């Protein structure tokens, strides 16, 4: 397995990325290789300074970087030798099995949609994020911010996508899927949730358990997967990050709090496209990069693309 990593992406790149890659190289499977995309001289100097064992680390030289302030689509077209651009080309050609970056989210989405593309049958790819629960487990929320406005049919697809992800990546058998709402009753909610509820109830691909109110979100006794539009999902995610920062500053610690730390999560997968792509937090530390790489490896192993194609009635290639 070849895991592509953007060595130049993120607020603390390249040092944090390369140090995180060194840390991950000690934890990945023996058959796996980390492929760093970026300026070869800079990468080698950091590897040498860290006295890193590079037996399972390779470098693909890239002379350009897509900066955070660049227009994503224009930069992707104009900077053909940038780390993100070059990595997506290799991902499309099968030279790497997955790609992850803490760099430009916009450029990552351009590559995901235009170079890799959505799996036939899936209307809109989504991003999801796991949140820590009070019992030390994780609950998966999608969409986490990619699509602020959704139709009921899109949320119905997200339910299937999230269920497949939970079962194949987190080994949750027959995951319970809930619809985020302001009440438990089927008739509660806005126009979107009222129209989505019957679709989820009829969806034979999921174990639908009904509506879930936000006060039970971290309680994991009701659901494993929570479906919502990207506006609500991103709001929940940002709130969780804020709570984590407050409790961390107050020196409070618990397993569920630690699982809300973006460094532990590592990255957010783009689900519904034909390859494994992980987007990490722009502020990613070496620990976050390490977990981003481990998450990428785990997602590649799950072969989600094959599972999605089966669920959406498209023959796996």
C-alpha atoms as a PDB file:
ATOM      1  CA  UNK A   1       0.000   0.000   0.000  1.00  0.00           C
ATOM      2  CA  UNK A   2       1.271   3.449  -0.961  1.00  0.00           C
ATOM      3  CA  UNK A   3      -0.019   6.350   1.141  1.00  0.00           C
ATOM      4  CA  UNK A   4       0.417   9.742  -0.495  1.00  0.00           C
ATOM      5  CA  UNK A   5       1.000  12.717   1.825  1.00  0.00           C
ATOM      6  CA  UNK A   6       1.230  16.419   0.992  1.00  0.00           C
ATOM      7  CA  UNK A   7       4.473  17.379   2.718  1.00  0.00           C
ATOM      8  CA  UNK A   8       3.970  21.068   1.978  1.00  0.00           C
ATOM      9  CA  UNK A   9       0.358  21.466   3.144  1.00  0.00           C
ATOM     10  CA  UNK A  10      -0.710  23.010   6.447  1.00  0.00           C
ATOM     11  CA  UNK A  11       0.141  25.943   8.678  1.00  0.00           C
ATOM     12  CA  UNK A  12       3.124  24.129  10.199  1.00  0.00           C
ATOM     13  CA  UNK A  13       4.394  22.399   7.076  1.00  0.00           C
ATOM     14  CA  UNK A  14       6.766  21.026   6.121  1.00  0.00           C
ATOM     15  CA  UNK A  15       8.304  20.311   9.546  1.00  0.00           C
ATOM     16  CA  UNK A  16       5.128  19.142  11.291  1.00  0.00           C
ATOM     17  CA  UNK A  17       4.102  17.003   8.319  1.00  0.00           C
ATOM     18  CA  UNK A  18       7.448  15.283   7.941  1.00  0.00           C
ATOM     19  CA  UNK A  19       7.895  14.699  11.673  1.00  0.00           C
ATOM     20  CA  UNK A  20       4.352  13.294  11.783  1.00  0.00           C
ATOM     21  CA  UNK A  21       5.190  11.068   8.829  1.00  0.00           C
ATOM     22  CA  UNK A  22       8.264   9.766  10.637  1.00  0.00           C
ATOM     23  CA  UNK A  23       6.103   8.976  13.663  1.00  0.00           C
ATOM     24  CA  UNK A  24       3.528   7.207  11.469  1.00  0.00           C
ATOM     25  CA  UNK A  25       6.197   5.249   9.599  1.00  0.00           C
ATOM     26  CA  UNK A  26       6.845   3.331  12.821  1.00  0.00           C
ATOM     27  CA  UNK A  27       3.173   2.385  13.183  1.00  0.00           C
ATOM     28  CA  UNK A  28       1.917   1.579   9.687  1.00  0.00           C
ATOM     29  CA  UNK A  29       1.813  -1.946   8.297  1.00  0.00           C
ATOM     30  CA  UNK A  30       5.084  -3.461   7.122  1.00  0.00           C
ATOM     31  CA  UNK A  31       3.746  -3.588   3.560  1.00  0.00           C
ATOM     32  CA  UNK A  32       2.821   0.121   3.542  1.00  0.00           C
ATOM     33  CA  UNK A  33       4.922   3.000   2.229  1.00  0.00           C
ATOM     34  CA  UNK A  34       4.509   6.728   2.908  1.00  0.00           C
ATOM     35  CA  UNK A  35       5.011   8.801  -0.247  1.00  0.00           C
ATOM     36  CA  UNK A  36       5.825  12.444   0.512  1.00  0.00           C
ATOM     37  CA  UNK A  37       4.973  15.004  -2.185  1.00  0.00           C
ATOM     38  CA  UNK A  38       6.989  18.233  -2.004  1.00  0.00           C
ATOM     39  CA  UNK A  39      10.372  19.879  -2.361  1.00  0.00           C
ATOM     40  CA  UNK A  40      12.830  16.987  -2.217  1.00  0.00           C
ATOM     41  CA  UNK A  41      15.749  18.985  -0.793  1.00  0.00           C
ATOM     42  CA  UNK A  42      13.665  20.407   2.036  1.00  0.00           C
ATOM     43  CA  UNK A  43      12.136  17.029   2.837  1.00  0.00           C
ATOM     44  CA  UNK A  44      15.499  15.237   2.853  1.00  0.00           C
ATOM     45  CA  UNK A  45      17.071  17.890   5.079  1.00  0.00           C
ATOM     46  CA  UNK A  46      14.323  17.449   7.678  1.00  0.00           C
ATOM     47  CA  UNK A  47      14.503  13.658   7.462  1.00  0.00           C
ATOM     48  CA  UNK A  48      18.269  13.812   7.950  1.00  0.00           C
ATOM     49  CA  UNK A  49      17.959  16.246  10.848  1.00  0.00           C
ATOM     50  CA  UNK A  50      15.519  13.858  12.523  1.00  0.00           C
ATOM     51  CA  UNK A  51      17.816  10.894  11.769  1.00  0.00           C
ATOM     52  CA  UNK A  52      14.781   9.143  10.336  1.00  0.00           C
ATOM     53  CA  UNK A  53      14.650   5.562   9.128  1.00  0.00           C
ATOM     54  CA  UNK A  54      13.424   6.032   5.562  1.00  0.00           C
ATOM     55  CA  UNK A  55      12.992   2.401   4.558  1.00  0.00           C
ATOM     56  CA  UNK A  56       9.232   2.915   4.149  1.00  0.00           C
ATOM     57  CA  UNK A  57       9.294   6.591   3.132  1.00  0.00           C
ATOM     58  CA  UNK A  58       9.589   7.810  -0.463  1.00  0.00           C
ATOM     59  CA  UNK A  59       9.698  11.292  -1.972  1.00  0.00           C
ATOM     60  CA  UNK A  60       8.086  12.660  -5.126  1.00  0.00           C
ATOM     61  CA  UNK A  61       9.666  16.010  -5.946  1.00  0.00           C
ATOM     62  CA  UNK A  62       7.280  18.914  -6.535  1.00  0.00           C
ATOM     63  CA  UNK A  63       8.494  22.394  -7.336  1.00  0.00           C
ATOM     64  CA  UNK A  64       5.267  24.261  -6.523  1.00  0.00           C
ATOM     65  CA  UNK A  65       2.835  24.695  -3.620  1.00  0.00           C
ATOM     66  CA  UNK A  66      -0.852  25.564  -3.679  1.00  0.00           C
ATOM     67  CA  UNK A  67      -1.056  28.214  -0.967  1.00  0.00           C
ATOM     68  CA  UNK A  68      -4.051  28.719   1.327  1.00  0.00           C
ATOM     69  CA  UNK A  69      -4.762  32.083  -0.324  1.00  0.00           C
ATOM     70  CA  UNK A  70      -4.715  30.734  -3.886  1.00  0.00           C
ATOM     71  CA  UNK A  71      -7.936  30.333  -5.832  1.00  0.00           C
ATOM     72  CA  UNK A  72      -8.374  26.539  -5.618  1.00  0.00           C
ATOM     73  CA  UNK A  73      -9.558  25.817  -9.160  1.00  0.00           C
ATOM     74  CA  UNK A  74      -7.165  28.245 -10.860  1.00  0.00           C
ATOM     75  CA  UNK A  75      -4.209  27.086  -8.787  1.00  0.00           C
ATOM     76  CA  UNK A  76      -5.013  23.456  -9.553  1.00  0.00           C
ATOM     77  CA  UNK A  77      -4.939  24.222 -13.273  1.00  0.00           C
ATOM     78  CA  UNK A  78      -1.944  26.555 -13.287  1.00  0.00           C
ATOM     79  CA  UNK A  79       0.333  24.883 -10.729  1.00  0.00           C
ATOM     80  CA  UNK A  80       0.713  21.536 -12.428  1.00  0.00           C
ATOM     81  CA  UNK A  81       3.834  20.649 -10.424  1.00  0.00           C
ATOM     82  CA  UNK A  82       2.304  21.476  -7.029  1.00  0.00           C
ATOM     83  CA  UNK A  83       2.252  18.779  -4.361  1.00  0.00           C
ATOM     84  CA  UNK A  84      -1.561  18.486  -4.328  1.00  0.00           C
ATOM     85  CA  UNK A  85      -1.892  18.542  -8.119  1.00  0.00           C
ATOM     86  CA  UNK A  86       0.832  15.971  -8.690  1.00  0.00           C
ATOM     87  CA  UNK A  87      -0.473  13.672  -5.955  1.00  0.00           C
ATOM     88  CA  UNK A  88      -3.994  13.631  -7.406  1.00  0.00           C
ATOM     89  CA  UNK A  89      -2.562  12.716 -10.797  1.00  0.00           C
ATOM     90  CA  UNK A  90      -0.735   9.763  -9.263  1.00  0.00           C
ATOM     91  CA  UNK A  91      -3.844   8.816  -7.282  1.00  0.00           C
ATOM     92  CA  UNK A  92      -5.908   8.769 -10.472  1.00  0.00           C
ATOM     93  CA  UNK A  93      -3.254   6.648 -12.208  1.00  0.00           C
ATOM     94  CA  UNK A  94      -3.084   4.185  -9.304  1.00  0.00           C
ATOM     95  CA  UNK A  95       0.522   5.001  -8.397  1.00  0.00           C
ATOM     96  CA  UNK A  96      -0.630   5.741  -4.846  1.00  0.00           C
ATOM     97  CA  UNK A  97      -3.623   4.174  -3.071  1.00  0.00           C
ATOM     98  CA  UNK A  98      -4.779   7.201  -1.097  1.00  0.00           C
ATOM     99  CA  UNK A  99      -3.876  10.835  -0.519  1.00  0.00           C
ATOM    100  CA  UNK A 100      -4.064  13.101   2.525  1.00  0.00           C
ATOM    101  CA  UNK A 101      -3.268  16.766   3.125  1.00  0.00           C
ATOM    102  CA  UNK A 102      -3.576  19.500   5.738  1.00  0.00           C
ATOM    103  CA  UNK A 103      -3.261  22.069   2.956  1.00  0.00           C
ATOM    104  CA  UNK A 104      -5.837  23.916   0.877  1.00  0.00           C
ATOM    105  CA  UNK A 105      -9.255  22.338   1.469  1.00  0.00           C
ATOM    106  CA  UNK A 106     -10.543  23.979  -1.697  1.00  0.00           C
ATOM    107  CA  UNK A 107      -7.793  22.438  -3.815  1.00  0.00           C
ATOM    108  CA  UNK A 108      -8.393  19.052  -2.187  1.00  0.00           C
ATOM    109  CA  UNK A 109     -12.060  19.245  -3.134  1.00  0.00           C
ATOM    110  CA  UNK A 110     -11.206  20.318  -6.692  1.00  0.00           C
ATOM    111  CA  UNK A 111      -8.967  17.273  -7.023  1.00  0.00           C
ATOM    112  CA  UNK A 112     -11.534  14.998  -5.420  1.00  0.00           C
ATOM    113  CA  UNK A 113     -14.359  16.087  -7.700  1.00  0.00           C
ATOM    114  CA  UNK A 114     -12.627  16.894 -10.995  1.00  0.00           C
ATOM    115  CA  UNK A 115      -9.730  14.426 -11.046  1.00  0.00           C
ATOM    116  CA  UNK A 116     -11.140  11.464  -9.118  1.00  0.00           C
ATOM    117  CA  UNK A 117     -14.875  12.057  -9.447  1.00  0.00           C
ATOM    118  CA  UNK A 118     -17.967  10.804  -7.669  1.00  0.00           C
ATOM    119  CA  UNK A 119     -18.959   7.150  -7.773  1.00  0.00           C
ATOM    120  CA  UNK A 120     -21.842   6.678 -10.244  1.00  0.00           C
ATOM    121  CA  UNK A 121     -25.128   6.736  -8.385  1.00  0.00           C
ATOM    122  CA  UNK A 122     -23.912   9.118  -5.685  1.00  0.00           C
ATOM    123  CA  UNK A 123     -25.285  12.620  -6.270  1.00  0.00           C
ATOM    124  CA  UNK A 124     -23.027  14.497  -3.863  1.00  0.00           C
ATOM    125  CA  UNK A 125     -19.936  13.257  -2.047  1.00  0.00           C
ATOM    126  CA  UNK A 126     -19.798  14.149   1.626  1.00  0.00           C
ATOM    127  CA  UNK A 127     -17.309  14.585   4.426  1.00  0.00           C
ATOM    128  CA  UNK A 128     -17.824  13.012   7.815  1.00  0.00           C
ATOM    129  CA  UNK A 129     -16.228  13.327  11.210  1.00  0.00           C
ATOM    130  CA  UNK A 130     -16.214  11.114  14.301  1.00  0.00           C
ATOM    131  CA  UNK A 131     -16.916  12.709  17.680  1.00  0.00           C
ATOM    132  CA  UNK A 132     -16.008  11.182  21.027  1.00  0.00           C
ATOM    133  CA  UNK A 133     -18.891   9.951  23.187  1.00  0.00           C
ATOM    134  CA  UNK A 134     -19.120   9.862  26.961  1.00  0.00           C
ATOM    135  CA  UNK A 135     -18.344   6.117  26.942  1.00  0.00           C
ATOM    136  CA  UNK A 136     -15.117   6.569  25.012  1.00  0.00           C
ATOM    137  CA  UNK A 137     -16.622   5.441  21.712  1.00  0.00           C
ATOM    138  CA  UNK A 138     -17.234   7.518  18.601  1.00  0.00           C
ATOM    139  CA  UNK A 139     -20.324   8.729  16.797  1.00  0.00           C
ATOM    140  CA  UNK A 140     -20.065   9.610  13.100  1.00  0.00           C
ATOM    141  CA  UNK A 141     -21.622  12.824  11.771  1.00  0.00           C
ATOM    142  CA  UNK A 142     -22.236  13.554   8.107  1.00  0.00           C
ATOM    143  CA  UNK A 143     -22.329  15.895   6.310  1.00  0.00           C
ATOM    144  CA  UNK A 144     -19.707  17.780   8.354  1.00  0.00           C
ATOM    145  CA  UNK A 145     -19.591  20.889   6.216  1.00  0.00           C
ATOM    146  CA  UNK A 146     -19.222  20.120   2.519  1.00  0.00           C
ATOM    147  CA  UNK A 147     -22.846  20.696   1.487  1.00  0.00           C
ATOM    148  CA  UNK A 148     -24.594  23.380   3.535  1.00  0.00           C
ATOM    149  CA  UNK A 149     -27.896  22.901   1.703  1.00  0.00           C
ATOM    150  CA  UNK A 150     -29.235  19.422   1.015  1.00  0.00           C
ATOM    151  CA  UNK A 151     -32.335  17.787  -0.386  1.00  0.00           C
ATOM    152  CA  UNK A 152     -33.999  14.811   1.353  1.00  0.00           C
ATOM    153  CA  UNK A 153     -32.667  12.435  -1.312  1.00  0.00           C
ATOM    154  CA  UNK A 154     -29.113  13.579  -0.563  1.00  0.00           C
ATOM    155  CA  UNK A 155     -29.489  12.939   3.175  1.00  0.00           C
ATOM    156  CA  UNK A 156     -30.882   9.505   2.333  1.00  0.00           C
ATOM    157  CA  UNK A 157     -27.701   8.769   0.389  1.00  0.00           C
ATOM    158  CA  UNK A 158     -25.585  10.097   3.262  1.00  0.00           C
ATOM    159  CA  UNK A 159     -27.278   7.602   5.569  1.00  0.00           C
ATOM    160  CA  UNK A 160     -26.155   4.712   3.375  1.00  0.00           C
ATOM    161  CA  UNK A 161     -22.661   6.162   2.951  1.00  0.00           C
ATOM    162  CA  UNK A 162     -22.265   6.748   6.699  1.00  0.00           C
ATOM    163  CA  UNK A 163     -23.495   3.268   7.550  1.00  0.00           C
ATOM    164  CA  UNK A 164     -20.981   1.670   5.173  1.00  0.00           C
ATOM    165  CA  UNK A 165     -18.191   3.838   6.577  1.00  0.00           C
ATOM    166  CA  UNK A 166     -19.036   2.976  10.200  1.00  0.00           C
ATOM    167  CA  UNK A 167     -19.199  -0.736   9.497  1.00  0.00           C
ATOM    168  CA  UNK A 168     -16.059  -1.031   7.378  1.00  0.00           C
ATOM    169  CA  UNK A 169     -13.733   1.477   9.061  1.00  0.00           C
ATOM    170  CA  UNK A 170     -14.889   1.374  12.690  1.00  0.00           C
ATOM    171  CA  UNK A 171     -16.092  -2.249  12.637  1.00  0.00           C
ATOM    172  CA  UNK A 172     -19.561  -1.342  13.939  1.00  0.00           C
ATOM    173  CA  UNK A 173     -21.912  -4.161  12.984  1.00  0.00           C
ATOM    174  CA  UNK A 174     -25.316  -3.053  11.712  1.00  0.00           C
ATOM    175  CA  UNK A 175     -24.684   0.591  12.752  1.00  0.00           C
ATOM    176  CA  UNK A 176     -27.658   2.548  14.060  1.00  0.00           C
ATOM    177  CA  UNK A 177     -28.445   5.547  11.866  1.00  0.00           C
ATOM    178  CA  UNK A 178     -30.329   8.578  13.198  1.00  0.00           C
ATOM    179  CA  UNK A 179     -31.544  11.846  11.708  1.00  0.00           C
ATOM    180  CA  UNK A 180     -30.487  14.969  13.613  1.00  0.00           C
ATOM    181  CA  UNK A 181     -33.633  16.829  14.605  1.00  0.00           C
ATOM    182  CA  UNK A 182     -35.244  19.068  17.238  1.00  0.00           C
ATOM    183  CA  UNK A 183     -37.511  16.296  18.521  1.00  0.00           C
ATOM    184  CA  UNK A 184     -37.867  12.519  18.521  1.00  0.00           C
ATOM    185  CA  UNK A 185     -41.309  12.418  16.896  1.00  0.00           C
ATOM    186  CA  UNK A 186     -41.393  11.784  13.095  1.00  0.00           C
ATOM    187  CA  UNK A 187     -43.464  14.911  12.480  1.00  0.00           C
ATOM    188  CA  UNK A 188     -40.961  17.219  14.233  1.00  0.00           C
ATOM    189  CA  UNK A 189     -38.424  19.400  12.451  1.00  0.00           C
ATOM    190  CA  UNK A 190     -38.171  21.644   9.417  1.00  0.00           C
ATOM    191  CA  UNK A 191     -39.210  20.892   5.850  1.00  0.00           C
ATOM    192  CA  UNK A 192     -35.956  19.043   5.170  1.00  0.00           C
ATOM    193  CA  UNK A 193     -36.077  16.667   8.144  1.00  0.00           C
ATOM    194  CA  UNK A 194     -39.810  16.012   7.765  1.00  0.00           C
ATOM    195  CA  UNK A 195     -39.295  14.984   4.145  1.00  0.00           C
ATOM    196  CA  UNK A 196     -36.144  12.969   4.923  1.00  0.00           C
ATOM    197  CA  UNK A 197     -37.612  10.873   7.738  1.00  0.00           C
ATOM    198  CA  UNK A 198     -39.826   8.609   5.555  1.00  0.00           C
ATOM    199  CA  UNK A 199     -36.985   8.076   3.078  1.00  0.00           C
ATOM    200  CA  UNK A 200     -34.671   6.855   5.842  1.00  0.00           C
ATOM    201  CA  UNK A 201     -37.424   4.679   7.283  1.00  0.00           C
ATOM    202  CA  UNK A 202     -37.813   2.949   3.918  1.00  0.00           C
ATOM    203  CA  UNK A 203     -34.084   2.664   3.211  1.00  0.00           C
ATOM    204  CA  UNK A 204     -33.282  -1.056   3.273  1.00  0.00           C
ATOM    205  CA  UNK A 205     -29.529  -0.434   3.369  1.00  0.00           C
ATOM    206  CA  UNK A 206     -29.511   1.070   6.861  1.00  0.00           C
ATOM    207  CA  UNK A 207     -30.620   0.397  10.420  1.00  0.00           C
ATOM    208  CA  UNK A 208     -32.675   3.553  10.932  1.00  0.00           C
ATOM    209  CA  UNK A 209     -33.523   4.316  14.571  1.00  0.00           C
ATOM    210  CA  UNK A 210     -35.385   7.602  14.106  1.00  0.00           C
ATOM    211  CA  UNK A 211     -34.699  11.196  15.063  1.00  0.00           C
ATOM    212  CA  UNK A 212     -31.930  12.193  17.452  1.00  0.00           C
ATOM    213  CA  UNK A 213     -31.860  15.393  19.469  1.00  0.00           C
ATOM    214  CA  UNK A 214     -28.520  17.119  19.983  1.00  0.00           C
ATOM    215  CA  UNK A 215     -28.585  16.604  23.754  1.00  0.00           C
ATOM    216  CA  UNK A 216     -28.183  12.845  23.109  1.00  0.00           C
ATOM    217  CA  UNK A 217     -25.451  13.283  20.510  1.00  0.00           C
ATOM    218  CA  UNK A 218     -22.564  12.212  22.753  1.00  0.00           C
ATOM    219  CA  UNK A 219     -24.542   9.534  24.439  1.00  0.00           C
ATOM    220  CA  UNK A 220     -23.851   6.616  21.970  1.00  0.00           C
ATOM    221  CA  UNK A 221     -26.723   4.540  23.427  1.00  0.00           C
ATOM    222  CA  UNK A 222     -29.036   5.649  20.610  1.00  0.00           C
ATOM    223  CA  UNK A 223     -27.054   5.953  17.383  1.00  0.00           C
ATOM    224  CA  UNK A 224     -23.684   5.292  15.737  1.00  0.00           C
ATOM    225  CA  UNK A 225     -24.233   7.495  12.659  1.00  0.00           C
ATOM    226  CA  UNK A 226     -25.999  10.869  12.606  1.00  0.00           C
ATOM    227  CA  UNK A 227     -27.219  12.368   9.334  1.00  0.00           C
ATOM    228  CA  UNK A 228     -27.682  16.121   8.796  1.00  0.00           C
ATOM    229  CA  UNK A 229     -26.988  18.867   6.283  1.00  0.00           C
ATOM    230  CA  UNK A 230     -23.516  20.399   6.173  1.00  0.00           C
ATOM    231  CA  UNK A 231     -24.607  23.600   7.901  1.00  0.00           C
ATOM    232  CA  UNK A 232     -25.822  21.770  10.997  1.00  0.00           C
ATOM    233  CA  UNK A 233     -22.974  19.260  10.895  1.00  0.00           C
ATOM    234  CA  UNK A 234     -20.241  21.868  10.714  1.00  0.00           C
ATOM    235  CA  UNK A 235     -21.904  23.840  13.509  1.00  0.00           C
ATOM    236  CA  UNK A 236     -21.823  20.732  15.716  1.00  0.00           C
ATOM    237  CA  UNK A 237     -18.197  20.090  14.799  1.00  0.00           C
ATOM    238  CA  UNK A 238     -17.094  23.642  15.629  1.00  0.00           C
ATOM    239  CA  UNK A 239     -19.016  23.533  18.906  1.00  0.00           C
ATOM    240  CA  UNK A 240     -17.251  20.287  19.856  1.00  0.00           C
ATOM    241  CA  UNK A 241     -13.874  21.863  19.070  1.00  0.00           C
ATOM    242  CA  UNK A 242     -14.762  24.850  21.225  1.00  0.00           C
ATOM    243  CA  UNK A 243     -15.848  22.663  24.143  1.00  0.00           C
ATOM    244  CA  UNK A 244     -12.644  20.665  23.858  1.00  0.00           C
ATOM    245  CA  UNK A 245     -10.509  23.822  23.970  1.00  0.00           C
ATOM    246  CA  UNK A 246     -12.360  25.144  27.027  1.00  0.00           C
ATOM    247  CA  UNK A 247     -12.029  21.868  28.930  1.00  0.00           C
ATOM    248  CA  UNK A 248      -8.405  21.481  27.898  1.00  0.00           C
ATOM    249  CA  UNK A 249      -7.621  24.976  29.191  1.00  0.00           C
ATOM    250  CA  UNK A 250      -9.340  24.028  32.444  1.00  0.00           C
ATOM    251  CA  UNK A 251      -7.128  20.919  32.542  1.00  0.00           C
ATOM    252  CA  UNK A 252     -10.089  18.568  32.448  1.00  0.00           C
ATOM    253  CA  UNK A 253      -9.513  15.206  30.816  1.00  0.00           C
ATOM    254  CA  UNK A 254     -11.665  12.198  29.949  1.00  0.00           C
ATOM    255  CA  UNK A 255     -11.657   9.657  27.100  1.00  0.00           C
ATOM    256  CA  UNK A 256     -14.599  11.285  25.317  1.00  0.00           C
ATOM    257  CA  UNK A 257     -12.975  14.708  25.607  1.00  0.00           C
ATOM    258  CA  UNK A 258      -9.721  13.394  24.148  1.00  0.00           C
ATOM    259  CA  UNK A 259     -11.638  11.903  21.206  1.00  0.00           C
ATOM    260  CA  UNK A 260     -12.940  15.380  20.367  1.00  0.00           C
ATOM    261  CA  UNK A 261      -9.362  16.533  19.824  1.00  0.00           C
ATOM    262  CA  UNK A 262      -8.705  17.009  16.105  1.00  0.00           C
ATOM    263  CA  UNK A 263      -5.179  15.673  16.674  1.00  0.00           C
ATOM    264  CA  UNK A 264      -6.630  12.288  17.641  1.00  0.00           C
ATOM    265  CA  UNK A 265      -9.147  12.230  14.782  1.00  0.00           C
ATOM    266  CA  UNK A 266      -6.376  13.033  12.287  1.00  0.00           C
ATOM    267  CA  UNK A 267      -8.483  13.873   9.257  1.00  0.00           C
ATOM    268  CA  UNK A 268     -11.853  13.903   7.545  1.00  0.00           C
ATOM    269  CA  UNK A 269     -12.521  11.516   4.644  1.00  0.00           C
ATOM    270  CA  UNK A 270     -14.218  12.604   1.447  1.00  0.00           C
ATOM    271  CA  UNK A 271     -16.805   9.856   0.988  1.00  0.00           C
ATOM    272  CA  UNK A 272     -18.508   8.980  -2.252  1.00  0.00           C
ATOM    273  CA  UNK A 273     -15.554   9.467  -4.604  1.00  0.00           C
ATOM    274  CA  UNK A 274     -13.655   6.670  -6.336  1.00  0.00           C
ATOM    275  CA  UNK A 275     -10.460   6.847  -4.261  1.00  0.00           C
ATOM    276  CA  UNK A 276      -9.391   7.462  -0.655  1.00  0.00           C
ATOM    277  CA  UNK A 277      -8.874  11.166   0.106  1.00  0.00           C
ATOM    278  CA  UNK A 278      -8.405  12.586   3.610  1.00  0.00           C
ATOM    279  CA  UNK A 279      -8.500  16.281   4.515  1.00  0.00           C
ATOM    280  CA  UNK A 280      -6.776  17.309   7.754  1.00  0.00           C
ATOM    281  CA  UNK A 281      -6.995  20.410   9.939  1.00  0.00           C
ATOM    282  CA  UNK A 282      -4.854  23.295   8.678  1.00  0.00           C
ATOM    283  CA  UNK A 283      -3.280  23.656  12.125  1.00  0.00           C
ATOM    284  CA  UNK A 284      -2.244  20.006  12.194  1.00  0.00           C
ATOM    285  CA  UNK A 285       0.574  19.133  14.583  1.00  0.00           C
ATOM    286  CA  UNK A 286       2.912  16.153  14.131  1.00  0.00           C
ATOM    287  CA  UNK A 287       0.508  14.040  16.230  1.00  0.00           C
ATOM    288  CA  UNK A 288      -2.407  15.054  14.004  1.00  0.00           C
ATOM    289  CA  UNK A 289      -0.378  14.207  10.886  1.00  0.00           C
ATOM    290  CA  UNK A 290       0.556  10.828  12.346  1.00  0.00           C
ATOM    291  CA  UNK A 291      -3.120  10.028  12.949  1.00  0.00           C
ATOM    292  CA  UNK A 292      -4.071  11.429   9.540  1.00  0.00           C
ATOM    293  CA  UNK A 293      -1.727   8.901   7.936  1.00  0.00           C
ATOM    294  CA  UNK A 294      -2.990   6.031  10.090  1.00  0.00           C
ATOM    295  CA  UNK A 295      -6.572   7.005   9.242  1.00  0.00           C
ATOM    296  CA  UNK A 296      -5.717   7.073   5.544  1.00  0.00           C
ATOM    297  CA  UNK A 297      -4.187   3.609   5.742  1.00  0.00           C
ATOM    298  CA  UNK A 298      -7.245   2.256   7.583  1.00  0.00           C
ATOM    299  CA  UNK A 299      -9.630   3.821   5.067  1.00  0.00           C
ATOM    300  CA  UNK A 300      -7.695   2.394   2.110  1.00  0.00           C
ATOM    301  CA  UNK A 301      -7.824  -1.055   3.719  1.00  0.00           C
ATOM    302  CA  UNK A 302     -11.613  -0.803   4.087  1.00  0.00           C
ATOM    303  CA  UNK A 303     -12.064  -0.639   0.285  1.00  0.00           C
ATOM    304  CA  UNK A 304     -15.009   1.704   0.704  1.00  0.00           C
ATOM    305  CA  UNK A 305     -15.264   2.401  -3.016  1.00  0.00           C
ATOM    306  CA  UNK A 306     -16.198  -1.225  -3.650  1.00  0.00           C
ATOM    307  CA  UNK A 307     -18.800  -1.134  -0.884  1.00  0.00           C
ATOM    308  CA  UNK A 308     -20.306   2.098  -2.188  1.00  0.00           C
ATOM    309  CA  UNK A 309     -20.547   0.706  -5.716  1.00  0.00           C
ATOM    310  CA  UNK A 310     -22.385  -2.352  -4.412  1.00  0.00           C
ATOM    311  CA  UNK A 311     -24.789  -0.231  -2.362  1.00  0.00           C
ATOM    312  CA  UNK A 312     -25.526   2.124  -5.240  1.00  0.00           C
ATOM    313  CA  UNK A 313     -25.900  -0.748  -7.705  1.00  0.00           C
ATOM    314  CA  UNK A 314     -22.783  -0.152  -9.730  1.00  0.00           C
ATOM    315  CA  UNK A 315     -20.495  -3.081 -10.481  1.00  0.00           C
ATOM    316  CA  UNK A 316     -17.077  -2.704  -8.787  1.00  0.00           C
ATOM    317  CA  UNK A 317     -14.210  -2.305 -11.227  1.00  0.00           C
END
